[in-house]
Protein backbone atom coordinates (compact mmCIF):
# COMPACT_ATOMS: atom_id res chain seq x y z
CA MET A 1 164.47 70.04 123.30
CA ILE A 2 167.14 71.16 121.42
CA ARG A 3 165.59 71.51 118.45
CA ALA A 4 162.72 73.32 120.35
CA TYR A 5 164.72 75.77 121.50
CA SER A 6 166.86 76.59 117.91
CA ILE A 7 163.25 77.13 116.44
CA GLY A 8 162.50 79.48 119.48
CA ALA A 9 165.32 81.67 118.94
CA ALA A 10 164.97 81.56 115.39
CA SER A 11 161.49 83.04 115.77
CA PHE A 12 162.47 85.44 118.47
CA LEU A 13 165.47 86.58 116.08
CA ALA A 14 163.41 87.10 113.15
CA VAL A 15 160.96 89.50 115.56
CA VAL A 16 163.92 91.42 116.60
CA LEU A 17 165.17 91.93 113.06
CA GLY A 18 161.47 92.80 111.79
CA VAL A 19 161.28 95.41 114.64
CA MET A 20 164.68 96.95 113.25
CA GLY A 21 163.47 97.14 110.15
CA TYR A 22 160.30 98.86 110.89
CA LEU A 23 162.19 101.35 113.05
CA MET A 24 165.22 101.79 110.17
CA TYR A 25 162.84 101.79 107.44
CA GLY A 26 159.07 102.63 108.54
CA GLY A 27 159.16 103.42 112.23
CA ASN A 28 160.88 106.76 111.70
CA SER A 29 157.96 109.52 111.61
CA ASP A 30 160.67 112.09 111.18
CA ASP A 31 161.96 110.97 108.31
CA PRO A 32 159.76 111.77 105.05
CA PHE A 33 161.30 109.13 103.12
CA ALA A 34 161.35 106.09 105.42
CA PRO A 35 158.86 104.43 102.91
CA CYS A 36 161.45 104.74 99.98
CA ARG A 37 164.50 103.59 101.85
CA THR A 38 165.92 100.28 100.80
CA THR A 39 169.73 100.24 102.16
CA ALA A 40 171.60 100.83 105.15
CA MET A 41 174.54 102.04 105.23
CA GLN A 42 177.11 102.31 108.20
CA GLY A 43 177.16 106.10 109.66
CA GLY A 44 173.93 106.90 107.92
CA LEU A 45 173.56 108.35 104.70
CA ASP A 46 174.11 111.92 106.21
CA ALA A 47 177.90 110.65 106.33
CA ILE A 48 177.76 110.25 102.42
CA GLY A 49 178.23 113.00 100.03
CA GLY A 50 178.96 116.75 100.82
CA PRO A 51 181.20 119.78 98.87
CA PHE A 52 183.32 119.20 95.78
CA GLU A 53 185.17 121.29 93.49
CA LEU A 54 185.65 119.60 90.16
CA ILE A 55 186.00 120.78 86.61
CA ASN A 56 183.50 120.36 84.06
CA ALA A 57 183.43 119.58 79.95
CA ALA A 58 183.71 123.53 79.33
CA GLY A 59 187.08 123.45 82.05
CA GLU A 60 184.87 125.55 84.41
CA THR A 61 185.75 124.75 87.94
CA VAL A 62 182.34 123.73 89.52
CA THR A 63 181.04 123.14 92.89
CA ASP A 64 178.58 120.82 94.40
CA ALA A 65 176.08 123.51 94.64
CA ASP A 66 176.58 124.19 90.70
CA VAL A 67 176.05 120.92 89.54
CA ILE A 68 173.49 119.33 92.06
CA THR A 69 170.65 121.69 90.88
CA GLN A 70 168.12 119.23 90.72
CA PRO A 71 167.72 115.36 91.15
CA SER A 72 170.73 113.69 90.08
CA MET A 73 172.08 110.29 90.23
CA VAL A 74 176.22 110.61 90.44
CA TYR A 75 178.46 107.37 89.31
CA PHE A 76 182.06 107.41 89.75
CA GLY A 77 184.16 105.84 87.16
CA TYR A 78 186.39 106.17 83.79
CA THR A 79 185.83 106.56 80.35
CA PHE A 80 188.21 103.78 79.61
CA CYS A 81 186.47 101.37 81.39
CA PRO A 82 185.84 98.08 79.32
CA ASP A 83 182.39 97.33 80.60
CA VAL A 84 181.20 97.96 83.71
CA CYS A 85 180.85 101.68 83.64
CA PRO A 86 178.79 102.18 80.09
CA LEU A 87 176.74 99.30 81.26
CA ASP A 88 175.82 101.82 84.67
CA MET A 89 175.54 104.89 82.89
CA ALA A 90 173.15 103.36 80.56
CA ARG A 91 171.17 101.78 82.85
CA ASN A 92 171.18 105.39 85.20
CA ALA A 93 170.28 106.78 81.49
CA LEU A 94 167.29 104.26 80.96
CA ALA A 95 166.33 105.50 84.41
CA THR A 96 166.19 109.13 83.49
CA GLU A 97 164.07 108.53 80.38
CA ILE A 98 161.82 106.53 82.29
CA LEU A 99 161.32 108.98 85.18
CA GLU A 100 161.27 111.97 82.36
CA ASP A 101 157.92 109.81 81.05
CA GLU A 102 156.34 110.61 84.40
CA GLY A 103 157.02 113.70 84.58
CA HIS A 104 160.31 113.87 86.96
CA ILE A 105 163.56 115.62 85.44
CA VAL A 106 166.69 113.90 86.60
CA GLN A 107 170.31 114.83 85.88
CA PRO A 108 173.07 111.76 85.17
CA VAL A 109 176.22 112.81 86.76
CA PHE A 110 179.56 110.88 85.67
CA ILE A 111 182.55 111.71 87.93
CA THR A 112 186.01 110.13 87.13
CA ILE A 113 188.26 108.63 89.15
CA ASP A 114 191.13 108.57 86.41
CA PRO A 115 191.69 111.94 86.18
CA ARG A 116 195.31 111.60 84.22
CA ARG A 117 193.40 110.18 80.99
CA ASP A 118 189.71 111.77 81.55
CA THR A 119 190.42 115.46 80.42
CA PRO A 120 187.19 118.01 80.90
CA GLU A 121 186.56 116.97 76.80
CA VAL A 122 186.61 113.18 77.17
CA VAL A 123 184.55 113.02 80.37
CA GLY A 124 181.90 115.71 78.34
CA GLU A 125 182.18 113.73 75.45
CA PHE A 126 181.59 110.32 77.20
CA ALA A 127 178.76 111.79 79.69
CA SER A 128 176.65 113.26 76.21
CA ILE A 129 176.92 109.80 74.82
CA PHE A 130 174.59 108.42 77.18
CA HIS A 131 172.32 111.26 77.65
CA ASP A 132 171.95 114.78 76.54
CA ARG A 133 171.27 116.34 80.36
CA ALA A 134 174.33 113.88 81.49
CA VAL A 135 177.06 115.82 83.03
CA GLY A 136 180.45 115.15 83.08
CA LEU A 137 183.30 115.77 85.58
CA THR A 138 187.18 115.52 86.22
CA GLY A 139 189.96 117.36 88.27
CA SER A 140 193.31 117.19 89.64
CA ASP A 141 194.12 114.03 91.30
CA GLU A 142 193.37 115.97 94.68
CA GLN A 143 190.16 117.04 93.59
CA VAL A 144 188.82 113.72 92.43
CA ARG A 145 190.20 112.00 95.60
CA ALA A 146 188.42 114.73 97.85
CA ALA A 147 185.34 114.16 95.66
CA SER A 148 185.74 110.33 96.20
CA ARG A 149 186.36 110.75 99.85
CA ALA A 150 182.97 112.33 100.46
CA TYR A 151 181.36 109.98 98.74
CA ARG A 152 183.07 107.06 100.64
CA THR A 153 184.30 105.54 97.03
CA PHE A 154 186.67 103.39 96.48
CA TYR A 155 189.33 103.21 93.70
CA SER A 156 192.83 102.06 92.70
CA ALA A 157 194.71 101.89 88.96
CA HIS A 158 196.52 98.92 88.26
CA GLN A 159 200.15 99.38 87.92
CA SER A 160 201.16 100.00 84.39
CA ASP A 161 203.84 101.76 82.15
CA ASP A 162 201.59 102.44 79.36
CA ASP A 163 198.06 104.28 78.95
CA PHE A 164 195.92 101.21 78.96
CA TYR A 165 195.74 100.59 82.64
CA LEU A 166 192.52 99.33 84.06
CA VAL A 167 191.09 101.05 87.51
CA ASP A 168 189.32 99.00 90.07
CA HIS A 169 186.42 100.99 91.93
CA SER A 170 182.87 100.59 94.05
CA THR A 171 180.22 100.67 91.63
CA PHE A 172 177.43 102.33 93.56
CA THR A 173 175.09 105.23 92.06
CA TYR A 174 174.07 107.75 94.54
CA LEU A 175 170.56 109.99 94.14
CA VAL A 176 171.08 113.11 95.52
CA MET A 177 168.64 115.66 95.51
CA PRO A 178 169.10 119.76 96.49
CA GLY A 179 168.59 120.17 99.71
CA HIS A 180 168.65 116.75 101.08
CA GLY A 181 171.74 115.50 99.76
CA THR A 182 172.32 111.69 99.53
CA VAL A 183 168.96 110.16 100.08
CA GLU A 184 169.79 106.63 98.27
CA VAL A 185 172.58 104.41 97.28
CA LEU A 186 171.33 102.60 94.41
CA ARG A 187 173.24 98.81 93.95
CA GLN A 188 174.59 97.92 90.51
CA ASP A 189 172.16 95.21 90.30
CA LEU A 190 169.42 97.35 90.22
CA THR A 191 167.62 97.53 86.78
CA ALA A 192 166.64 100.46 85.15
CA GLU A 193 163.27 100.04 86.28
CA GLN A 194 164.07 99.41 90.01
CA VAL A 195 166.42 102.71 89.66
CA ALA A 196 163.34 104.84 88.48
CA GLN A 197 160.75 103.45 90.61
CA THR A 198 162.78 103.98 93.82
CA ALA A 199 164.13 107.78 92.70
CA GLN A 200 160.32 108.23 91.87
CA CYS A 201 159.53 107.66 95.84
CA PHE A 202 162.17 110.07 96.78
CA ILE A 203 161.35 112.67 94.59
CA GLU A 204 157.55 112.55 95.05
CA ARG A 205 158.15 113.25 99.06
CA ALA A 206 160.66 115.48 98.68
């Protein structure tokens, strides 16, 4: 009897979760991107992203309106990162190439969370290593922290007396589109092919 009840409860829960998933991802006819969505964030994606003011590789102050002029994959990291950031940027660059083969132009964007070491020249050179369209951005501590807050990212530098410190940080990539803002949060464990497939869905429905 108890086992039967457990099975019934589990079945009911599965149905409820299925309905919730449908409503969140496929049942909202007002959302043109519903079939493309793979993540749900607390507060919704509308709460992620927004205006920022940073400095580009040429030393010019730019805003989000200056930078996000085409579909962009926005990543927060730092150039001294020993492994994660280069791998993530390489993944995003490869996804950019895959999308270009499908006729879609996308821009990788790298925003440092280590402005102390990452000067405009440094972030510009770092970004260009991965793709010729990649944009590198830095800024003052206040500008970088404001951009990080807008995208709800986390970072914390290790205490150190020298310039060889590491920085803990979140590793999401944000798919941002002009006129739509942040449309998806791409996890680190996705392959370049999966990132490209997801981005293509959003781009073709925009």
